[in-house]
Amino acid sequence: MAERRLVIATGNAGKLGEYQMLLAGTGLILIAVDPGVAEVGSTYAENAQIKAEAAKVAMELPAIGDDSGVEVEVLKGYPGIHSARIGPTQKERTQVLLDRLRGRPRPWLARFVCTIALAVPTQPTEFFEGECRGEIVPEWRGEAGFGYDPVFLVPEANKTFGEMDREEKAQYSHRARAASAMVASGALESLPG
């Protein structure tokens, strides 16, 4: 049987590592490719599709792309789809978010959202979603993960994503839930070899 490969449209080593763990039981060989495309969509699904389809075309293989963001209730969903673009570095992006929240009553309820697009040659792109509800805390807690992980508290665990190892994070994370929905759909089982 030919080995089945799946392209992960990312240049982020942390995200590739997370997918390697989340899709470990699928028998797929994962290849990371940064498609180098601008995220110009107006929804998570559009941005995920842009990345997945660019990677599919570049590698001539099935590909997934995802887009995610943190949405804070008191800020009416901000930063949302713009989560990766509100500052030049992640440290600065996190500080922009905390500055916006300063002075507002806590808890700062929030949710992480992820949409995965699966683009397979000659087939329509499919979408899978996941979310994790929690709250933003005013101080960095933990060094693990990436993005807003150190300030996103998961109440059930009483830890931020930044305080969790990959395995623990996978029990709660928005990306893990979207990947789980994709695996459960059976879409990966029919990928060409």
Protein backbone atom coordinates (compact mmCIF):
# COMPACT_ATOMS: atom_id res chain seq x y z
CA MET A 1 0.00 0.00 0.00
CA ALA A 2 1.37 3.40 -0.99
CA GLU A 3 2.09 5.80 1.83
CA ARG A 4 -0.55 8.46 2.15
CA ARG A 5 0.71 11.99 2.59
CA LEU A 6 -1.05 15.07 3.86
CA VAL A 7 0.32 18.59 3.54
CA ILE A 8 -0.10 20.90 6.53
CA ALA A 9 -0.21 24.48 5.22
CA THR A 10 1.94 26.14 7.87
CA GLY A 11 5.38 27.53 8.52
CA ASN A 12 4.78 27.23 12.28
CA ALA A 13 6.75 24.35 13.83
CA GLY A 14 4.50 24.37 16.91
CA LYS A 15 1.40 23.88 14.78
CA LEU A 16 3.04 21.04 12.79
CA GLY A 17 3.98 19.30 16.05
CA GLU A 18 0.43 19.65 17.30
CA TYR A 19 -0.96 18.10 14.11
CA GLN A 20 1.56 15.25 14.28
CA MET A 21 0.14 14.37 17.69
CA LEU A 22 -3.52 14.97 16.76
CA LEU A 23 -3.34 12.84 13.59
CA ALA A 24 -0.94 10.19 14.94
CA GLY A 25 -3.44 7.35 14.56
CA THR A 26 -4.32 8.05 10.93
CA GLY A 27 -1.26 6.50 9.28
CA LEU A 28 -0.68 9.69 7.30
CA ILE A 29 2.78 11.14 6.64
CA LEU A 30 2.54 14.88 7.40
CA ILE A 31 4.54 17.41 5.41
CA ALA A 32 4.62 21.09 6.42
CA VAL A 33 4.64 23.67 3.64
CA ASP A 34 4.23 27.39 4.10
CA PRO A 35 2.00 28.33 1.16
CA GLY A 36 3.09 31.97 1.45
CA VAL A 37 -0.39 33.35 0.81
CA ALA A 38 -2.05 36.35 2.40
CA GLU A 39 -4.96 35.67 4.73
CA VAL A 40 -7.39 38.02 3.02
CA GLY A 41 -10.61 36.13 3.78
CA SER A 42 -13.33 37.62 5.95
CA THR A 43 -13.92 34.37 7.90
CA TYR A 44 -11.79 31.64 9.47
CA ALA A 45 -13.12 29.23 6.81
CA GLU A 46 -12.08 31.49 3.93
CA ASN A 47 -8.55 31.91 5.30
CA ALA A 48 -8.23 28.17 5.98
CA GLN A 49 -9.40 27.43 2.43
CA ILE A 50 -6.94 29.91 0.89
CA LYS A 51 -4.02 28.18 2.66
CA ALA A 52 -5.20 24.60 2.08
CA GLU A 53 -5.88 25.09 -1.62
CA ALA A 54 -2.57 26.90 -2.21
CA ALA A 55 -0.67 24.05 -0.49
CA LYS A 56 -2.68 21.44 -2.45
CA VAL A 57 -1.78 23.10 -5.75
CA ALA A 58 1.89 23.63 -4.79
CA MET A 59 2.44 20.02 -3.70
CA GLU A 60 -0.21 18.26 -5.83
CA LEU A 61 -1.29 16.44 -2.66
CA PRO A 62 -4.21 16.61 -0.23
CA ALA A 63 -3.66 19.52 2.17
CA ILE A 64 -5.16 21.08 5.24
CA GLY A 65 -5.03 24.69 6.24
CA ASP A 66 -6.50 26.19 9.33
CA ASP A 67 -7.31 29.56 10.72
CA SER A 68 -8.01 30.30 14.32
CA GLY A 69 -8.45 33.17 16.66
CA VAL A 70 -9.40 34.20 20.13
CA GLU A 71 -12.69 36.04 20.59
CA VAL A 72 -13.23 38.03 23.78
CA GLU A 73 -16.84 38.53 24.84
CA VAL A 74 -16.48 41.98 26.44
CA LEU A 75 -14.64 43.18 23.28
CA LYS A 76 -17.48 41.92 21.05
CA GLY A 77 -15.34 39.12 19.57
CA TYR A 78 -12.11 41.11 19.16
CA PRO A 79 -9.46 40.26 17.99
CA GLY A 80 -11.15 37.29 16.25
CA ILE A 81 -10.05 36.77 12.66
CA HIS A 82 -7.37 39.44 13.17
CA SER A 83 -5.75 37.63 16.14
CA ALA A 84 -2.47 37.07 14.27
CA ARG A 85 -2.32 40.60 12.88
CA ILE A 86 -2.91 43.09 15.72
CA GLY A 87 0.83 43.49 16.33
CA PRO A 88 4.18 42.57 14.75
CA THR A 89 5.14 39.88 17.30
CA GLN A 90 3.06 37.53 19.43
CA LYS A 91 4.28 39.18 22.62
CA GLU A 92 3.09 42.55 21.28
CA ARG A 93 -0.22 41.08 20.06
CA THR A 94 -0.87 39.64 23.51
CA GLN A 95 -0.02 42.99 25.09
CA VAL A 96 -2.41 44.82 22.73
CA LEU A 97 -5.20 42.46 23.84
CA LEU A 98 -4.39 42.88 27.55
CA ASP A 99 -4.22 46.67 27.15
CA ARG A 100 -7.71 46.67 25.61
CA LEU A 101 -9.02 44.64 28.55
CA ARG A 102 -7.38 46.67 31.32
CA GLY A 103 -9.98 48.37 33.51
CA ARG A 104 -12.83 46.13 32.40
CA PRO A 105 -14.45 43.84 34.99
CA ARG A 106 -13.29 40.24 35.06
CA PRO A 107 -13.71 37.44 34.20
CA TRP A 108 -12.80 38.24 30.58
CA LEU A 109 -14.76 35.40 28.98
CA ALA A 110 -13.36 34.26 25.67
CA ARG A 111 -13.28 31.39 23.24
CA PHE A 112 -10.66 30.03 20.90
CA VAL A 113 -12.10 29.05 17.51
CA CYS A 114 -10.48 26.96 14.76
CA THR A 115 -11.66 26.04 11.28
CA ILE A 116 -9.74 23.41 9.29
CA ALA A 117 -10.11 23.23 5.52
CA LEU A 118 -9.29 19.90 3.83
CA ALA A 119 -8.45 20.38 0.15
CA VAL A 120 -8.14 17.20 -1.91
CA PRO A 121 -7.39 17.25 -5.66
CA THR A 122 -10.59 16.90 -7.76
CA GLN A 123 -12.88 17.16 -4.71
CA PRO A 124 -14.70 20.08 -3.08
CA THR A 125 -12.96 21.50 -0.02
CA GLU A 126 -14.44 20.33 3.30
CA PHE A 127 -14.51 22.28 6.58
CA PHE A 128 -14.31 21.22 10.23
CA GLU A 129 -14.71 23.45 13.27
CA GLY A 130 -13.78 23.35 16.93
CA GLU A 131 -13.90 25.74 19.85
CA CYS A 132 -12.72 25.97 23.44
CA ARG A 133 -14.36 28.31 25.93
CA GLY A 134 -12.37 29.91 28.71
CA GLU A 135 -11.15 33.29 29.82
CA ILE A 136 -8.27 35.68 29.31
CA VAL A 137 -6.09 36.24 32.37
CA PRO A 138 -4.09 39.46 32.91
CA GLU A 139 -0.68 37.81 33.32
CA TRP A 140 1.36 35.34 31.27
CA ARG A 141 1.19 31.86 32.79
CA GLY A 142 3.41 29.11 31.37
CA GLU A 143 5.81 28.87 28.46
CA ALA A 144 4.26 26.03 26.45
CA GLY A 145 2.24 26.36 23.27
CA PHE A 146 2.18 29.38 21.02
CA GLY A 147 0.02 32.37 20.22
CA TYR A 148 -2.23 33.51 23.07
CA ASP A 149 -1.82 30.20 24.96
CA PRO A 150 -0.16 31.73 28.08
CA VAL A 151 -3.11 34.09 28.75
CA PHE A 152 -5.98 31.73 27.84
CA LEU A 153 -7.28 29.97 30.96
CA VAL A 154 -9.24 26.73 30.57
CA PRO A 155 -11.55 26.63 33.63
CA GLU A 156 -11.95 22.82 33.69
CA ALA A 157 -8.18 22.42 34.02
CA ASN A 158 -7.56 25.64 36.00
CA LYS A 159 -4.52 26.16 33.76
CA THR A 160 -3.69 28.26 30.74
CA PHE A 161 -2.80 26.49 27.51
CA GLY A 162 0.70 27.85 28.20
CA GLU A 163 0.86 25.68 31.35
CA MET A 164 -0.18 22.47 29.56
CA ASP A 165 1.91 19.98 27.65
CA ARG A 166 0.70 18.98 24.17
CA GLU A 167 -1.19 15.94 25.38
CA GLU A 168 -3.13 17.87 28.02
CA LYS A 169 -3.84 20.74 25.63
CA ALA A 170 -5.27 18.24 23.12
CA GLN A 171 -8.02 17.37 25.63
CA TYR A 172 -9.40 20.91 25.38
CA SER A 173 -8.07 22.81 22.40
CA HIS A 174 -10.10 24.26 19.56
CA ARG A 175 -7.65 22.81 17.00
CA ALA A 176 -7.85 19.36 18.61
CA ARG A 177 -11.65 19.49 18.47
CA ALA A 178 -11.63 20.54 14.80
CA ALA A 179 -9.09 17.79 13.97
CA SER A 180 -11.25 15.29 15.87
CA ALA A 181 -14.28 16.30 13.81
CA MET A 182 -12.22 15.80 10.63
CA VAL A 183 -11.03 12.33 11.71
CA ALA A 184 -14.55 11.34 12.84
CA SER A 185 -15.99 12.37 9.46
CA GLY A 186 -13.96 9.67 7.69
CA ALA A 187 -12.63 12.23 5.20
CA LEU A 188 -9.00 11.25 5.88
CA GLU A 189 -9.59 7.54 5.30
CA SER A 190 -10.31 8.08 1.61
CA LEU A 191 -7.25 10.19 0.84
CA PRO A 192 -5.32 8.92 -2.17
CA GLY A 193 -2.02 7.11 -1.59
